[in-house]
Amino acid sequence: MKQFIQQGAAALALAVAALAAPALAQAHEYHVGKLDIGHPYARATVPGQPAGGAYLSIENKGTAADRLVALSTPAAKTTEIHTMAMEGNVMKMREVDGGLEIKPGQKIAMQPGNGYHIMLMGLTKPLKAGDKLPLTLTFEKAGRVDVTINVEDLAAGAAAGKDDMKGHAHH
């Protein structure tokens, strides 16, 4: 009987681990210095689309400000930090000059349709759901960190009303 209970407990532990694995694969985080980078992802693009957006969060758990000063990926010719703002009835995107400051205790969440995002311009090929792209972030103080961008299905974001690239002017 004792052996049967131990085998049942082992099977239950394996089942729980198997169920948790997909959740852990989706929630990927990185650390450099006092900065935490959370869940880098991009939206799938359609064939012929020259640019895409990538998103992540950066939290400064230190006592001094830091600045994201550079980004690079082999998936795009140019990678820039942009901000989005409404000017009248027009959404305008602009590159952030001088990098993005992250103050002590601050968390910046780059999300579709909300403030900051990463522009991937001159894509080398369409971004397909399930793809994983390398991205290097360079911070003024903390240095460099390599992260992986998970490409997610565009339909999931559009269904949620977050199709951030349609109808927006890029200036």
Protein backbone atom coordinates (compact mmCIF):
# COMPACT_ATOMS: atom_id res chain seq x y z
CA MET A 1 0.00 0.00 0.00
CA LYS A 2 2.82 2.41 0.90
CA GLN A 3 4.48 1.82 -2.47
CA PHE A 4 1.16 2.46 -4.27
CA ILE A 5 0.75 5.81 -2.44
CA GLN A 6 4.33 6.82 -3.28
CA GLN A 7 3.79 5.98 -6.98
CA GLY A 8 0.54 7.96 -6.97
CA ALA A 9 2.28 10.95 -5.38
CA ALA A 10 5.09 10.79 -7.94
CA ALA A 11 2.58 10.65 -10.81
CA LEU A 12 0.70 13.62 -9.36
CA ALA A 13 3.94 15.61 -9.03
CA LEU A 14 4.80 14.89 -12.69
CA ALA A 15 1.30 15.93 -13.81
CA VAL A 16 1.54 19.21 -11.89
CA ALA A 17 4.99 19.91 -13.36
CA ALA A 18 3.71 19.18 -16.89
CA LEU A 19 0.80 21.59 -16.42
CA ALA A 20 3.07 24.32 -15.03
CA ALA A 21 5.65 24.05 -17.85
CA PRO A 22 3.63 26.00 -20.49
CA ALA A 23 3.00 28.83 -18.03
CA LEU A 24 6.69 29.02 -17.18
CA ALA A 25 7.60 29.07 -20.87
CA GLN A 26 5.34 32.11 -21.42
CA ALA A 27 6.53 34.13 -18.42
CA HIS A 28 10.18 34.73 -19.23
CA GLU A 29 12.21 37.27 -17.29
CA TYR A 30 15.76 38.57 -17.42
CA HIS A 31 17.96 40.49 -14.99
CA VAL A 32 20.91 42.83 -15.49
CA GLY A 33 22.29 44.91 -12.65
CA LYS A 34 19.31 46.15 -10.63
CA LEU A 35 16.97 45.94 -13.62
CA ASP A 36 14.33 43.27 -14.23
CA ILE A 37 13.13 42.77 -17.80
CA GLY A 38 9.82 40.94 -18.14
CA HIS A 39 8.09 39.01 -20.93
CA PRO A 40 9.59 40.34 -24.17
CA TYR A 41 7.18 39.63 -27.02
CA ALA A 42 6.23 40.80 -30.49
CA ARG A 43 3.13 40.49 -32.61
CA ALA A 44 3.09 38.33 -35.73
CA THR A 45 3.19 40.36 -38.95
CA VAL A 46 1.61 39.83 -42.35
CA PRO A 47 3.75 39.14 -45.46
CA GLY A 48 5.19 42.37 -46.85
CA GLN A 49 4.79 44.31 -43.60
CA PRO A 50 8.12 46.18 -43.24
CA ALA A 51 7.95 46.84 -39.49
CA GLY A 52 6.67 45.33 -36.29
CA GLY A 53 6.36 46.19 -32.64
CA ALA A 54 7.93 44.50 -29.63
CA TYR A 55 6.99 44.92 -26.00
CA LEU A 56 8.42 44.18 -22.56
CA SER A 57 8.60 45.62 -19.07
CA ILE A 58 11.63 47.10 -17.31
CA GLU A 59 11.67 47.57 -13.55
CA ASN A 60 14.45 49.41 -11.73
CA LYS A 61 14.93 47.86 -8.30
CA GLY A 62 18.02 49.96 -7.60
CA THR A 63 18.59 53.33 -5.98
CA ALA A 64 19.96 55.08 -9.09
CA ALA A 65 18.37 55.82 -12.44
CA ASP A 66 19.51 53.90 -15.51
CA ARG A 67 18.83 54.45 -19.19
CA LEU A 68 18.08 52.05 -22.05
CA VAL A 69 20.40 53.50 -24.70
CA ALA A 70 20.47 50.89 -27.49
CA LEU A 71 18.64 47.87 -28.90
CA SER A 72 19.61 45.44 -31.64
CA THR A 73 18.29 42.29 -33.28
CA PRO A 74 19.30 40.44 -36.43
CA ALA A 75 15.55 40.23 -37.26
CA ALA A 76 15.42 43.93 -38.28
CA LYS A 77 17.68 46.47 -39.97
CA THR A 78 16.84 49.11 -37.35
CA THR A 79 15.57 48.78 -33.80
CA GLU A 80 14.38 51.89 -31.93
CA ILE A 81 12.49 52.87 -28.79
CA HIS A 82 9.34 54.79 -29.73
CA THR A 83 6.58 56.53 -27.87
CA MET A 84 2.99 56.88 -28.97
CA ALA A 85 0.81 59.87 -28.19
CA MET A 86 -2.53 61.20 -29.35
CA GLU A 87 -2.41 64.56 -31.13
CA GLY A 88 -6.01 65.48 -31.78
CA ASN A 89 -7.54 62.37 -33.34
CA VAL A 90 -4.21 61.07 -34.70
CA MET A 91 -1.95 58.59 -32.95
CA LYS A 92 1.68 59.60 -33.60
CA MET A 93 4.79 57.55 -33.00
CA ARG A 94 8.20 59.11 -32.47
CA GLU A 95 11.64 57.81 -31.61
CA VAL A 96 12.73 58.51 -28.03
CA ASP A 97 15.81 60.76 -28.21
CA GLY A 98 18.71 59.98 -25.86
CA GLY A 99 17.35 56.65 -24.64
CA LEU A 100 14.66 55.71 -22.14
CA GLU A 101 15.26 56.63 -18.49
CA ILE A 102 14.12 54.19 -15.81
CA LYS A 103 14.06 55.91 -12.43
CA PRO A 104 14.68 54.08 -9.13
CA GLY A 105 11.60 52.08 -8.17
CA GLN A 106 9.97 52.74 -11.57
CA LYS A 107 8.44 50.04 -13.77
CA ILE A 108 7.90 50.85 -17.44
CA ALA A 109 5.47 48.52 -19.17
CA MET A 110 5.75 48.65 -22.95
CA GLN A 111 2.35 47.51 -24.20
CA PRO A 112 0.41 47.76 -27.45
CA GLY A 113 -1.43 51.07 -27.75
CA ASN A 114 0.15 52.48 -24.58
CA GLY A 115 3.16 54.79 -24.42
CA TYR A 116 6.49 53.13 -25.20
CA HIS A 117 7.25 50.27 -27.55
CA ILE A 118 10.15 48.88 -29.55
CA MET A 119 10.00 49.37 -33.31
CA LEU A 120 11.53 46.63 -35.45
CA MET A 121 12.01 48.34 -38.83
CA GLY A 122 13.20 46.69 -42.00
CA LEU A 123 12.22 43.19 -40.94
CA THR A 124 14.39 40.51 -42.53
CA LYS A 125 11.31 38.23 -42.79
CA PRO A 126 7.72 38.24 -41.49
CA LEU A 127 7.33 37.55 -37.78
CA LYS A 128 5.38 34.31 -37.33
CA ALA A 129 3.60 33.15 -34.19
CA GLY A 130 5.90 30.77 -32.34
CA ASP A 131 9.12 32.39 -33.61
CA LYS A 132 11.76 33.37 -31.05
CA LEU A 133 13.97 36.37 -31.84
CA PRO A 134 17.17 37.46 -30.10
CA LEU A 135 17.24 41.05 -28.81
CA THR A 136 20.15 42.81 -27.12
CA LEU A 137 19.31 45.65 -24.72
CA THR A 138 22.11 48.04 -23.71
CA PHE A 139 21.74 50.11 -20.56
CA GLU A 140 23.92 53.07 -19.62
CA LYS A 141 24.88 51.65 -16.20
CA ALA A 142 23.76 48.02 -16.03
CA GLY A 143 25.32 47.11 -19.40
CA ARG A 144 24.10 44.61 -21.98
CA VAL A 145 21.59 41.80 -21.67
CA ASP A 146 20.41 39.36 -24.32
CA VAL A 147 16.72 38.45 -24.20
CA THR A 148 14.41 36.35 -26.35
CA ILE A 149 11.33 37.89 -27.95
CA ASN A 150 8.46 35.41 -28.30
CA VAL A 151 6.31 36.14 -31.35
CA GLU A 152 2.63 35.86 -30.49
CA ASP A 153 -0.42 35.47 -32.74
CA LEU A 154 -1.69 38.78 -34.11
CA ALA A 155 -5.30 37.58 -33.96
CA ALA A 156 -5.12 37.25 -30.17
CA GLY A 157 -4.18 40.93 -29.78
CA ALA A 158 -6.62 42.18 -32.42
CA ALA A 159 -9.44 40.19 -30.82
CA ALA A 160 -8.70 41.96 -27.56
CA GLY A 161 -8.96 45.35 -29.32
CA LYS A 162 -5.24 46.04 -29.14
CA ASP A 163 -4.31 46.21 -32.83
CA ASP A 164 -1.91 49.10 -32.26
CA MET A 165 -0.34 49.44 -35.70
CA LYS A 166 -3.50 50.01 -37.78
CA GLY A 167 -4.33 53.58 -38.75
CA HIS A 168 -1.54 55.22 -36.82
CA ALA A 169 0.73 57.77 -38.42
CA HIS A 170 4.47 57.25 -37.98
CA HIS A 171 6.33 60.56 -37.86
